[in-house]
Structures are given as C-alpha cells and as structure tokens.
Amino acid sequence: MSPSVVNGTGLTHIRNMMFGTAAEEGTGSGFVYDDRGHIVTNYHVVEGMDELMVTLPDGTEYEAEIVGLDEGNDLAVLRIDAGDDLPPALTLADSDELRVGQFMLAIGRPFGLDQTVTTGVVSALERVIESPNDQGYISGAIQTDAAINPGNPGGLLLSLDGRVVGINSQVLSTSGDSAGIGFVVSSDTIHRVVADRIATGRFAHPWIGVETIDVNSYVAAIHEQARYELAVVYGVLVVDFERNSSAEEAGERGATRALRYGGYTIPVGGDIVIAIDGYATETLDD
C-alpha cells in the first residue's frame, strides 16, 4: 500500500516589488485513486498553486494536471501520465462500517519522508468540521488520535487490511503541531465527490440558503425573561433566507423582529426547524 501513497509539491509565484517574481513551495501527500492516473489529495494542499508535481516512491516526478477541486469537502483530484509505472490503485473502504476504538494507520510523506506511518484509533465518528477558508462544513468526518504531521494532509487513514478509510485533513491543536486531534475526510465522501469530479468535472453541493441561530436553554431563558413564549425550546430558528433559495421555495419564514433584553438582541418570529425527514435538528450542524 505504501507505494501508492505519493508526495505532491506545488509552486506559486509571488510578485515582489524589490526582487521580482519569487517561487514559494508547498508540499503534501496523496494517493493513487485508479489505474487512469488520478491522484486524490486535499484541496488546501494545492490551493493557489501555479505548478504541481507528483513524486512517486521511486523518486520519479510527473507534472500533474487538476481534474477537479472541491473546496467544500477539502478534496482535489489530479492526474498524472505515468503509464505502466503508475503504482496500483488503493481500495476505498466503507467508512459506515467503522467503529469507535478500531485501530487505524495514518500513512503519508511528511516533509517528503517516504513510508511514514503513525498509529491510532478511531476516536469518534460523524464529526462536522469546517471547510478550508470557512466555505461551509464537512460532514461525516472521522476523528482519530493518530499523529498527523506537516506534509501528512492528503495522506491516508487506513484500516489494518490496507483499505482507505479516509484522507487526512486537519489537526486541532493548541501547540500548532501534531499533538492534537486529527480529522479525516471519510472514504464515503471521497467516493461521492471524486467519482462525480472525474465523470462530470463538478460535484453538486446541497444548498438551503438560510441564516439561523440554535435554540437552546440560554436562548429560551432570555425569551422567558422577556415574556416572549417560544413554541418549542429546541431546534434551529430561521433568522433570514436568501432569495431564490431552497428555503424560500419551501416557504420558510424568517424572523419578523428582534427582541432586546439587557445587552442581548435575539431575533424572533421565524420558523423553528426541529426535524428534517424524521431526523432531529437541535443545532445548525445537524
């Protein structure tokens, strides 16, 4: 499986008033997705790069073209023309079969170092994490305690039988290094996004088009103190919606006025969404 994990290098050209154009380099990992030369990595690994090179484990470099980018899910699909030298494609696991506590391997090429493996367990499932540049959220993410070092993003989280469970994406750390919580874009998300990107060049993201606040005990208490009764004390309050959005088409109503109490302003009068298709929605993440 290690020969199918590749190292990616990107160059972006920065214009400097004193020294002219200078090249800045970024690095990350990726993996061979199929026998047609498609490579999957993170969007933030290739973001803003003017030139992209993929290095195979034998040291051979290939210029890579971008097939598709999905900032919302932090995924990028590249392609190289390696011919018969292309390493075998890796198999995607069904991430729905994962269980908390299951042992995993995180593999990548941090700092360009070959065959770097760290171990850990699945700490949690179905996490919701922010997309790069605050472009929404990535649902179904996997949380792991396996160390994800600089250069590891774009690398893999693997099951012990060598199947791809997900692609390393983010580390939540107070120290700025790998001593934190790692988050992985799941194999199910990879399968949906990458297959569509290769087939059509795009991936359609669902869009509701609402601005909301979560109705919790704190919000409910302010309403009660201000003598404004809520129909329910949980759910997601629709503050406003974008024109021509799905929310408008569905007849959602936004807040009609703002309730001021002390130093707080709380919108009131809008619909409160408590469930979608039978699934409870207590927060915007839901």
C-alpha atoms as a PDB file:
ATOM      1  CA  MET A   1       0.000   0.000   0.000  1.00  0.00           C
ATOM      2  CA  SER A   2       2.863   2.439   0.678  1.00  0.00           C
ATOM      3  CA  PRO A   3       3.992   2.628  -2.988  1.00  0.00           C
ATOM      4  CA  SER A   4       0.543   4.032  -3.828  1.00  0.00           C
ATOM      5  CA  VAL A   5       0.976   6.992  -1.443  1.00  0.00           C
ATOM      6  CA  VAL A   6       2.660   9.824  -3.317  1.00  0.00           C
ATOM      7  CA  ASN A   7       4.266  13.134  -2.457  1.00  0.00           C
ATOM      8  CA  GLY A   8       2.931  16.324  -4.011  1.00  0.00           C
ATOM      9  CA  THR A   9       4.831  19.581  -4.457  1.00  0.00           C
ATOM     10  CA  GLY A  10       3.297  22.843  -5.577  1.00  0.00           C
ATOM     11  CA  LEU A  11       4.819  26.158  -6.627  1.00  0.00           C
ATOM     12  CA  THR A  12       3.101  29.515  -6.511  1.00  0.00           C
ATOM     13  CA  HIS A  13       4.748  32.588  -7.974  1.00  0.00           C
ATOM     14  CA  ILE A  14       4.711  35.701  -5.783  1.00  0.00           C
ATOM     15  CA  ARG A  15       5.431  39.126  -7.213  1.00  0.00           C
ATOM     16  CA  ASN A  16       7.868  41.125  -5.058  1.00  0.00           C
ATOM     17  CA  MET A  17       8.432  44.829  -5.736  1.00  0.00           C
ATOM     18  CA  MET A  18      12.156  44.587  -4.922  1.00  0.00           C
ATOM     19  CA  PHE A  19      13.170  41.157  -6.162  1.00  0.00           C
ATOM     20  CA  GLY A  20      10.688  40.459  -8.955  1.00  0.00           C
ATOM     21  CA  THR A  21       8.892  37.093  -9.099  1.00  0.00           C
ATOM     22  CA  ALA A  22       9.768  34.505  -6.470  1.00  0.00           C
ATOM     23  CA  ALA A  23       8.506  30.927  -6.141  1.00  0.00           C
ATOM     24  CA  GLU A  24       7.057  29.620  -2.879  1.00  0.00           C
ATOM     25  CA  GLU A  25       6.764  25.873  -2.366  1.00  0.00           C
ATOM     26  CA  GLY A  26       4.153  23.804  -0.597  1.00  0.00           C
ATOM     27  CA  THR A  27       4.047  20.069   0.000  1.00  0.00           C
ATOM     28  CA  GLY A  28       1.572  17.363   0.924  1.00  0.00           C
ATOM     29  CA  SER A  29       0.609  13.758   0.291  1.00  0.00           C
ATOM     30  CA  GLY A  30      -1.890  11.989  -1.926  1.00  0.00           C
ATOM     31  CA  PHE A  31      -2.823   8.518  -3.136  1.00  0.00           C
ATOM     32  CA  VAL A  32      -3.429   6.707  -6.398  1.00  0.00           C
ATOM     33  CA  TYR A  33      -7.194   6.503  -6.916  1.00  0.00           C
ATOM     34  CA  ASP A  34      -7.449   4.455 -10.123  1.00  0.00           C
ATOM     35  CA  ASP A  35      -5.444   2.972 -12.993  1.00  0.00           C
ATOM     36  CA  ARG A  36      -6.027   6.070 -15.156  1.00  0.00           C
ATOM     37  CA  GLY A  37      -3.532   8.137 -13.185  1.00  0.00           C
ATOM     38  CA  HIS A  38      -5.932  10.020 -10.936  1.00  0.00           C
ATOM     39  CA  ILE A  39      -4.444  11.183  -7.641  1.00  0.00           C
ATOM     40  CA  VAL A  40      -6.561  12.328  -4.666  1.00  0.00           C
ATOM     41  CA  THR A  41      -5.310  14.852  -2.148  1.00  0.00           C
ATOM     42  CA  ASN A  42      -6.658  17.774  -0.110  1.00  0.00           C
ATOM     43  CA  TYR A  43      -7.857  20.989  -1.675  1.00  0.00           C
ATOM     44  CA  HIS A  44      -5.755  23.034   0.741  1.00  0.00           C
ATOM     45  CA  VAL A  45      -2.623  21.186  -0.426  1.00  0.00           C
ATOM     46  CA  VAL A  46      -2.965  22.516  -3.996  1.00  0.00           C
ATOM     47  CA  GLU A  47      -4.805  25.776  -3.281  1.00  0.00           C
ATOM     48  CA  GLY A  48      -3.271  28.700  -5.140  1.00  0.00           C
ATOM     49  CA  MET A  49      -0.516  26.639  -6.760  1.00  0.00           C
ATOM     50  CA  ASP A  50       0.602  27.525 -10.288  1.00  0.00           C
ATOM     51  CA  GLU A  51       2.622  24.355 -10.891  1.00  0.00           C
ATOM     52  CA  LEU A  52       2.020  20.882  -9.454  1.00  0.00           C
ATOM     53  CA  MET A  53       4.405  17.925  -9.389  1.00  0.00           C
ATOM     54  CA  VAL A  54       3.721  14.414  -8.087  1.00  0.00           C
ATOM     55  CA  THR A  55       6.645  12.286  -6.904  1.00  0.00           C
ATOM     56  CA  LEU A  56       6.297   8.502  -6.866  1.00  0.00           C
ATOM     57  CA  PRO A  57       8.107   6.371  -4.262  1.00  0.00           C
ATOM     58  CA  ASP A  58      10.914   5.578  -6.739  1.00  0.00           C
ATOM     59  CA  GLY A  59      11.682   9.298  -6.975  1.00  0.00           C
ATOM     60  CA  THR A  60      10.201   9.832 -10.447  1.00  0.00           C
ATOM     61  CA  GLU A  61       8.437  13.176 -10.831  1.00  0.00           C
ATOM     62  CA  TYR A  62       5.437  13.866 -13.029  1.00  0.00           C
ATOM     63  CA  GLU A  63       3.711  17.112 -13.842  1.00  0.00           C
ATOM     64  CA  ALA A  64       0.125  16.954 -12.602  1.00  0.00           C
ATOM     65  CA  GLU A  65      -2.999  18.497 -14.069  1.00  0.00           C
ATOM     66  CA  ILE A  66      -6.006  19.449 -11.963  1.00  0.00           C
ATOM     67  CA  VAL A  67      -9.099  17.422 -12.839  1.00  0.00           C
ATOM     68  CA  GLY A  68     -11.387  18.901 -10.214  1.00  0.00           C
ATOM     69  CA  LEU A  69     -11.385  20.863  -6.960  1.00  0.00           C
ATOM     70  CA  ASP A  70     -13.917  20.711  -4.160  1.00  0.00           C
ATOM     71  CA  GLU A  71     -13.129  23.321  -1.531  1.00  0.00           C
ATOM     72  CA  GLY A  72     -16.267  22.469   0.420  1.00  0.00           C
ATOM     73  CA  ASN A  73     -15.061  18.924   1.154  1.00  0.00           C
ATOM     74  CA  ASP A  74     -11.329  19.803   1.081  1.00  0.00           C
ATOM     75  CA  LEU A  75     -10.648  17.422  -1.796  1.00  0.00           C
ATOM     76  CA  ALA A  76      -8.708  17.745  -5.033  1.00  0.00           C
ATOM     77  CA  VAL A  77      -8.385  15.338  -7.950  1.00  0.00           C
ATOM     78  CA  LEU A  78      -5.177  15.455 -10.007  1.00  0.00           C
ATOM     79  CA  ARG A  79      -3.968  13.359 -12.903  1.00  0.00           C
ATOM     80  CA  ILE A  80      -0.505  12.237 -13.963  1.00  0.00           C
ATOM     81  CA  ASP A  81       0.601  10.342 -17.053  1.00  0.00           C
ATOM     82  CA  ALA A  82       2.827   7.653 -15.532  1.00  0.00           C
ATOM     83  CA  GLY A  83       1.897   4.851 -17.924  1.00  0.00           C
ATOM     84  CA  ASP A  84       2.983   1.418 -16.759  1.00  0.00           C
ATOM     85  CA  ASP A  85       4.992   2.963 -13.897  1.00  0.00           C
ATOM     86  CA  LEU A  86       1.829   4.018 -12.090  1.00  0.00           C
ATOM     87  CA  PRO A  87       1.533   2.244  -8.703  1.00  0.00           C
ATOM     88  CA  PRO A  88      -1.608   0.168  -8.141  1.00  0.00           C
ATOM     89  CA  ALA A  89      -4.757   1.977  -7.068  1.00  0.00           C
ATOM     90  CA  LEU A  90      -5.918   1.629  -3.492  1.00  0.00           C
ATOM     91  CA  THR A  91      -9.316   0.279  -2.465  1.00  0.00           C
ATOM     92  CA  LEU A  92     -11.789   2.521  -0.632  1.00  0.00           C
ATOM     93  CA  ALA A  93     -13.352   1.040   2.488  1.00  0.00           C
ATOM     94  CA  ASP A  94     -16.952   1.558   3.559  1.00  0.00           C
ATOM     95  CA  SER A  95     -16.496   4.113   6.335  1.00  0.00           C
ATOM     96  CA  ASP A  96     -20.024   3.354   7.587  1.00  0.00           C
ATOM     97  CA  GLU A  97     -18.619   0.069   8.885  1.00  0.00           C
ATOM     98  CA  LEU A  98     -16.126   1.798  11.206  1.00  0.00           C
ATOM     99  CA  ARG A  99     -16.423   1.531  14.960  1.00  0.00           C
ATOM    100  CA  VAL A 100     -15.040   3.788  17.684  1.00  0.00           C
ATOM    101  CA  GLY A 101     -11.880   2.244  19.144  1.00  0.00           C
ATOM    102  CA  GLN A 102     -10.899   0.490  15.910  1.00  0.00           C
ATOM    103  CA  PHE A 103      -7.145   0.566  15.210  1.00  0.00           C
ATOM    104  CA  MET A 104      -6.007   2.610  12.205  1.00  0.00           C
ATOM    105  CA  LEU A 105      -2.789   3.545  10.390  1.00  0.00           C
ATOM    106  CA  ALA A 106      -2.090   7.092   9.217  1.00  0.00           C
ATOM    107  CA  ILE A 107       0.326   6.980   6.307  1.00  0.00           C
ATOM    108  CA  GLY A 108       1.827   9.801   4.276  1.00  0.00           C
ATOM    109  CA  ARG A 109       5.016  11.539   3.257  1.00  0.00           C
ATOM    110  CA  PRO A 110       5.507  14.352   5.783  1.00  0.00           C
ATOM    111  CA  PHE A 111       8.406  16.631   4.786  1.00  0.00           C
ATOM    112  CA  GLY A 112       8.874  14.304   1.788  1.00  0.00           C
ATOM    113  CA  LEU A 113       9.976  11.407   4.010  1.00  0.00           C
ATOM    114  CA  ASP A 114       8.954   8.087   2.472  1.00  0.00           C
ATOM    115  CA  GLN A 115       6.866   5.404   4.190  1.00  0.00           C
ATOM    116  CA  THR A 116       5.968   7.383   7.301  1.00  0.00           C
ATOM    117  CA  VAL A 117       3.340   5.603   9.404  1.00  0.00           C
ATOM    118  CA  THR A 118       1.689   6.569  12.676  1.00  0.00           C
ATOM    119  CA  THR A 119      -0.892   4.511  14.541  1.00  0.00           C
ATOM    120  CA  GLY A 120      -4.008   5.310  16.498  1.00  0.00           C
ATOM    121  CA  VAL A 121      -7.668   4.538  16.908  1.00  0.00           C
ATOM    122  CA  VAL A 122     -10.934   5.913  15.640  1.00  0.00           C
ATOM    123  CA  SER A 123     -11.799   8.355  18.409  1.00  0.00           C
ATOM    124  CA  ALA A 124     -15.215   9.443  17.106  1.00  0.00           C
ATOM    125  CA  LEU A 125     -17.401   9.259  14.008  1.00  0.00           C
ATOM    126  CA  GLU A 126     -19.751  11.617  12.174  1.00  0.00           C
ATOM    127  CA  ARG A 127     -17.913  14.759  13.208  1.00  0.00           C
ATOM    128  CA  VAL A 128     -18.741  18.037  11.451  1.00  0.00           C
ATOM    129  CA  ILE A 129     -15.656  20.139  10.697  1.00  0.00           C
ATOM    130  CA  GLU A 130     -15.157  23.472   8.951  1.00  0.00           C
ATOM    131  CA  SER A 131     -14.113  23.531   5.315  1.00  0.00           C
ATOM    132  CA  PRO A 132     -10.996  25.475   4.274  1.00  0.00           C
ATOM    133  CA  ASN A 133     -11.444  29.251   4.276  1.00  0.00           C
ATOM    134  CA  ASP A 134     -14.760  28.892   6.136  1.00  0.00           C
ATOM    135  CA  GLN A 135     -16.507  27.620   2.984  1.00  0.00           C
ATOM    136  CA  GLY A 136     -19.112  25.613   4.891  1.00  0.00           C
ATOM    137  CA  TYR A 137     -18.805  22.305   6.688  1.00  0.00           C
ATOM    138  CA  ILE A 138     -17.601  18.772   6.015  1.00  0.00           C
ATOM    139  CA  SER A 139     -19.976  16.208   7.450  1.00  0.00           C
ATOM    140  CA  GLY A 140     -19.248  12.607   8.355  1.00  0.00           C
ATOM    141  CA  ALA A 141     -15.612  13.324   9.262  1.00  0.00           C
ATOM    142  CA  ILE A 142     -13.614  10.778  11.269  1.00  0.00           C
ATOM    143  CA  GLN A 143     -11.740  11.810  14.419  1.00  0.00           C
ATOM    144  CA  THR A 144      -8.514   9.969  15.231  1.00  0.00           C
ATOM    145  CA  ASP A 145      -5.670  10.230  17.729  1.00  0.00           C
ATOM    146  CA  ALA A 146      -3.115   9.043  15.132  1.00  0.00           C
ATOM    147  CA  ALA A 147      -0.481  11.772  14.677  1.00  0.00           C
ATOM    148  CA  ILE A 148      -0.963  13.827  11.501  1.00  0.00           C
ATOM    149  CA  ASN A 149       2.274  15.728  10.889  1.00  0.00           C
ATOM    150  CA  PRO A 150       3.016  18.620   8.478  1.00  0.00           C
ATOM    151  CA  GLY A 151       3.002  17.120   4.993  1.00  0.00           C
ATOM    152  CA  ASN A 152       0.645  14.327   6.108  1.00  0.00           C
ATOM    153  CA  PRO A 153      -2.539  16.074   4.937  1.00  0.00           C
ATOM    154  CA  GLY A 154      -3.512  14.358   1.715  1.00  0.00           C
ATOM    155  CA  GLY A 155      -2.156  11.124   3.172  1.00  0.00           C
ATOM    156  CA  LEU A 156      -4.327   8.260   4.263  1.00  0.00           C
ATOM    157  CA  LEU A 157      -6.090   6.749   7.201  1.00  0.00           C
ATOM    158  CA  LEU A 158      -6.021   3.009   6.549  1.00  0.00           C
ATOM    159  CA  SER A 159      -7.695   0.025   8.117  1.00  0.00           C
ATOM    160  CA  LEU A 160      -5.417  -2.818   9.165  1.00  0.00           C
ATOM    161  CA  ASP A 161      -6.332  -4.717   5.987  1.00  0.00           C
ATOM    162  CA  GLY A 162      -4.969  -1.855   3.859  1.00  0.00           C
ATOM    163  CA  ARG A 163      -8.194  -0.238   2.660  1.00  0.00           C
ATOM    164  CA  VAL A 164      -8.565   3.562   2.546  1.00  0.00           C
ATOM    165  CA  VAL A 165     -10.821   4.733   5.357  1.00  0.00           C
ATOM    166  CA  GLY A 166     -10.265   8.419   4.667  1.00  0.00           C
ATOM    167  CA  ILE A 167      -7.847  11.183   3.752  1.00  0.00           C
ATOM    168  CA  ASN A 168      -6.092  13.170   6.476  1.00  0.00           C
ATOM    169  CA  SER A 169      -7.308  16.761   6.502  1.00  0.00           C
ATOM    170  CA  GLN A 170      -6.954  18.778   9.700  1.00  0.00           C
ATOM    171  CA  VAL A 171      -5.407  18.851  13.157  1.00  0.00           C
ATOM    172  CA  LEU A 172      -6.979  20.676  16.066  1.00  0.00           C
ATOM    173  CA  SER A 173      -4.010  21.644  18.222  1.00  0.00           C
ATOM    174  CA  THR A 174      -3.207  24.369  20.732  1.00  0.00           C
ATOM    175  CA  SER A 175       0.529  23.966  20.096  1.00  0.00           C
ATOM    176  CA  GLY A 176       0.404  24.101  16.299  1.00  0.00           C
ATOM    177  CA  ASP A 177       1.953  20.664  15.833  1.00  0.00           C
ATOM    178  CA  SER A 178       0.687  17.075  15.597  1.00  0.00           C
ATOM    179  CA  ALA A 179      -0.043  16.899  19.339  1.00  0.00           C
ATOM    180  CA  GLY A 180      -3.770  17.335  18.923  1.00  0.00           C
ATOM    181  CA  ILE A 181      -6.905  15.823  17.434  1.00  0.00           C
ATOM    182  CA  GLY A 182      -6.817  14.690  13.818  1.00  0.00           C
ATOM    183  CA  PHE A 183      -9.775  14.860  11.454  1.00  0.00           C
ATOM    184  CA  VAL A 184     -10.136  12.771   8.314  1.00  0.00           C
ATOM    185  CA  VAL A 185     -12.449  13.170   5.312  1.00  0.00           C
ATOM    186  CA  SER A 186     -14.234   9.824   5.119  1.00  0.00           C
ATOM    187  CA  SER A 187     -13.928   7.319   2.283  1.00  0.00           C
ATOM    188  CA  ASP A 188     -17.657   7.627   1.610  1.00  0.00           C
ATOM    189  CA  THR A 189     -17.244  11.365   0.998  1.00  0.00           C
ATOM    190  CA  ILE A 190     -14.205  10.688  -1.202  1.00  0.00           C
ATOM    191  CA  HIS A 191     -16.175   8.171  -3.260  1.00  0.00           C
ATOM    192  CA  ARG A 192     -19.096  10.547  -3.856  1.00  0.00           C
ATOM    193  CA  VAL A 193     -17.017  13.617  -4.672  1.00  0.00           C
ATOM    194  CA  VAL A 194     -14.193  12.076  -6.702  1.00  0.00           C
ATOM    195  CA  ALA A 195     -16.409   9.876  -8.856  1.00  0.00           C
ATOM    196  CA  ASP A 196     -18.521  12.887  -9.865  1.00  0.00           C
ATOM    197  CA  ARG A 197     -15.475  15.098 -10.429  1.00  0.00           C
ATOM    198  CA  ILE A 198     -13.896  12.575 -12.793  1.00  0.00           C
ATOM    199  CA  ALA A 199     -17.152  11.840 -14.631  1.00  0.00           C
ATOM    200  CA  THR A 200     -18.569  15.369 -14.941  1.00  0.00           C
ATOM    201  CA  GLY A 201     -15.924  17.791 -13.643  1.00  0.00           C
ATOM    202  CA  ARG A 202     -18.192  19.003 -10.857  1.00  0.00           C
ATOM    203  CA  PHE A 203     -19.873  17.965  -7.607  1.00  0.00           C
ATOM    204  CA  ALA A 204     -23.262  19.399  -6.661  1.00  0.00           C
ATOM    205  CA  HIS A 205     -23.475  20.632  -3.085  1.00  0.00           C
ATOM    206  CA  PRO A 206     -26.851  20.796  -1.367  1.00  0.00           C
ATOM    207  CA  TRP A 207     -27.774  24.378  -0.502  1.00  0.00           C
ATOM    208  CA  ILE A 208     -30.532  25.517   1.828  1.00  0.00           C
ATOM    209  CA  GLY A 209     -29.790  29.244   1.887  1.00  0.00           C
ATOM    210  CA  VAL A 210     -30.719  30.160   5.464  1.00  0.00           C
ATOM    211  CA  GLU A 211     -29.255  32.198   8.286  1.00  0.00           C
ATOM    212  CA  THR A 212     -30.058  30.599  11.627  1.00  0.00           C
ATOM    213  CA  ILE A 213     -29.398  30.529  15.341  1.00  0.00           C
ATOM    214  CA  ASP A 214     -29.639  27.490  17.588  1.00  0.00           C
ATOM    215  CA  VAL A 215     -32.477  27.491  20.087  1.00  0.00           C
ATOM    216  CA  ASN A 216     -31.001  26.283  23.371  1.00  0.00           C
ATOM    217  CA  SER A 217     -31.756  26.695  27.070  1.00  0.00           C
ATOM    218  CA  TYR A 218     -29.883  30.020  27.159  1.00  0.00           C
ATOM    219  CA  VAL A 219     -31.856  31.495  24.263  1.00  0.00           C
ATOM    220  CA  ALA A 220     -35.084  30.119  25.717  1.00  0.00           C
ATOM    221  CA  ALA A 221     -34.315  31.671  29.124  1.00  0.00           C
ATOM    222  CA  ILE A 222     -33.846  35.122  27.576  1.00  0.00           C
ATOM    223  CA  HIS A 223     -37.182  34.749  25.783  1.00  0.00           C
ATOM    224  CA  GLU A 224     -38.862  33.712  29.018  1.00  0.00           C
ATOM    225  CA  GLN A 225     -37.409  36.635  30.980  1.00  0.00           C
ATOM    226  CA  ALA A 226     -38.614  38.989  28.261  1.00  0.00           C
ATOM    227  CA  ARG A 227     -42.079  37.375  28.423  1.00  0.00           C
ATOM    228  CA  TYR A 228     -41.944  36.056  24.874  1.00  0.00           C
ATOM    229  CA  GLU A 229     -43.053  32.447  24.685  1.00  0.00           C
ATOM    230  CA  LEU A 230     -41.385  30.062  22.256  1.00  0.00           C
ATOM    231  CA  ALA A 231     -43.416  27.305  20.647  1.00  0.00           C
ATOM    232  CA  VAL A 232     -40.519  24.893  21.349  1.00  0.00           C
ATOM    233  CA  VAL A 233     -37.305  25.259  23.350  1.00  0.00           C
ATOM    234  CA  TYR A 234     -35.009  23.401  20.947  1.00  0.00           C
ATOM    235  CA  GLY A 235     -34.266  23.409  17.241  1.00  0.00           C
ATOM    236  CA  VAL A 236     -32.888  25.878  14.710  1.00  0.00           C
ATOM    237  CA  LEU A 237     -34.520  29.286  14.374  1.00  0.00           C
ATOM    238  CA  VAL A 238     -34.628  30.698  10.840  1.00  0.00           C
ATOM    239  CA  VAL A 239     -33.423  34.296  11.061  1.00  0.00           C
ATOM    240  CA  ASP A 240     -33.416  35.028   7.315  1.00  0.00           C
ATOM    241  CA  PHE A 241     -33.108  33.311   3.972  1.00  0.00           C
ATOM    242  CA  GLU A 242     -31.551  34.098   0.621  1.00  0.00           C
ATOM    243  CA  ARG A 243     -33.785  34.953  -2.284  1.00  0.00           C
ATOM    244  CA  ASN A 244     -34.385  32.186  -4.830  1.00  0.00           C
ATOM    245  CA  SER A 245     -33.059  29.656  -2.307  1.00  0.00           C
ATOM    246  CA  SER A 246     -34.446  26.249  -1.423  1.00  0.00           C
ATOM    247  CA  ALA A 247     -35.647  27.709   1.880  1.00  0.00           C
ATOM    248  CA  GLU A 248     -37.716  30.364   0.103  1.00  0.00           C
ATOM    249  CA  GLU A 249     -39.140  27.807  -2.304  1.00  0.00           C
ATOM    250  CA  ALA A 250     -40.154  25.622   0.642  1.00  0.00           C
ATOM    251  CA  GLY A 251     -41.988  28.551   2.270  1.00  0.00           C
ATOM    252  CA  GLU A 252     -39.646  29.081   5.209  1.00  0.00           C
ATOM    253  CA  ARG A 253     -40.309  32.244   7.219  1.00  0.00           C
ATOM    254  CA  GLY A 254     -37.540  34.342   8.716  1.00  0.00           C
ATOM    255  CA  ALA A 255     -37.595  36.406  11.908  1.00  0.00           C
ATOM    256  CA  THR A 256     -40.134  39.229  11.910  1.00  0.00           C
ATOM    257  CA  ARG A 257     -38.499  41.389  14.571  1.00  0.00           C
ATOM    258  CA  ALA A 258     -35.686  41.496  17.108  1.00  0.00           C
ATOM    259  CA  LEU A 259     -36.174  41.002  20.827  1.00  0.00           C
ATOM    260  CA  ARG A 260     -33.953  43.165  23.031  1.00  0.00           C
ATOM    261  CA  TYR A 261     -33.314  42.203  26.616  1.00  0.00           C
ATOM    262  CA  GLY A 262     -30.475  43.727  28.588  1.00  0.00           C
ATOM    263  CA  GLY A 263     -27.439  43.745  26.336  1.00  0.00           C
ATOM    264  CA  TYR A 264     -28.737  40.979  24.064  1.00  0.00           C
ATOM    265  CA  THR A 265     -30.653  41.017  20.785  1.00  0.00           C
ATOM    266  CA  ILE A 266     -32.467  37.842  19.779  1.00  0.00           C
ATOM    267  CA  PRO A 267     -34.441  37.528  16.507  1.00  0.00           C
ATOM    268  CA  VAL A 268     -37.962  36.181  16.963  1.00  0.00           C
ATOM    269  CA  GLY A 269     -40.933  35.226  14.838  1.00  0.00           C
ATOM    270  CA  GLY A 270     -39.157  32.937  12.392  1.00  0.00           C
ATOM    271  CA  ASP A 271     -39.796  29.262  11.776  1.00  0.00           C
ATOM    272  CA  ILE A 272     -38.041  26.832  14.102  1.00  0.00           C
ATOM    273  CA  VAL A 273     -36.823  23.678  12.356  1.00  0.00           C
ATOM    274  CA  ILE A 274     -36.973  20.776  14.801  1.00  0.00           C
ATOM    275  CA  ALA A 275     -36.524  17.868  12.365  1.00  0.00           C
ATOM    276  CA  ILE A 276     -35.774  17.089   8.717  1.00  0.00           C
ATOM    277  CA  ASP A 277     -37.175  13.877   7.283  1.00  0.00           C
ATOM    278  CA  GLY A 278     -37.557  12.440  10.773  1.00  0.00           C
ATOM    279  CA  TYR A 279     -34.047  13.378  11.963  1.00  0.00           C
ATOM    280  CA  ALA A 280     -33.882  15.806  14.895  1.00  0.00           C
ATOM    281  CA  THR A 281     -32.189  19.159  14.193  1.00  0.00           C
ATOM    282  CA  GLU A 282     -31.149  20.652  17.508  1.00  0.00           C
ATOM    283  CA  THR A 283     -28.223  22.611  16.014  1.00  0.00           C
ATOM    284  CA  LEU A 284     -27.118  24.003  12.638  1.00  0.00           C
ATOM    285  CA  ASP A 285     -24.565  21.166  12.443  1.00  0.00           C
ATOM    286  CA  ASP A 286     -27.445  18.673  12.492  1.00  0.00           C
END
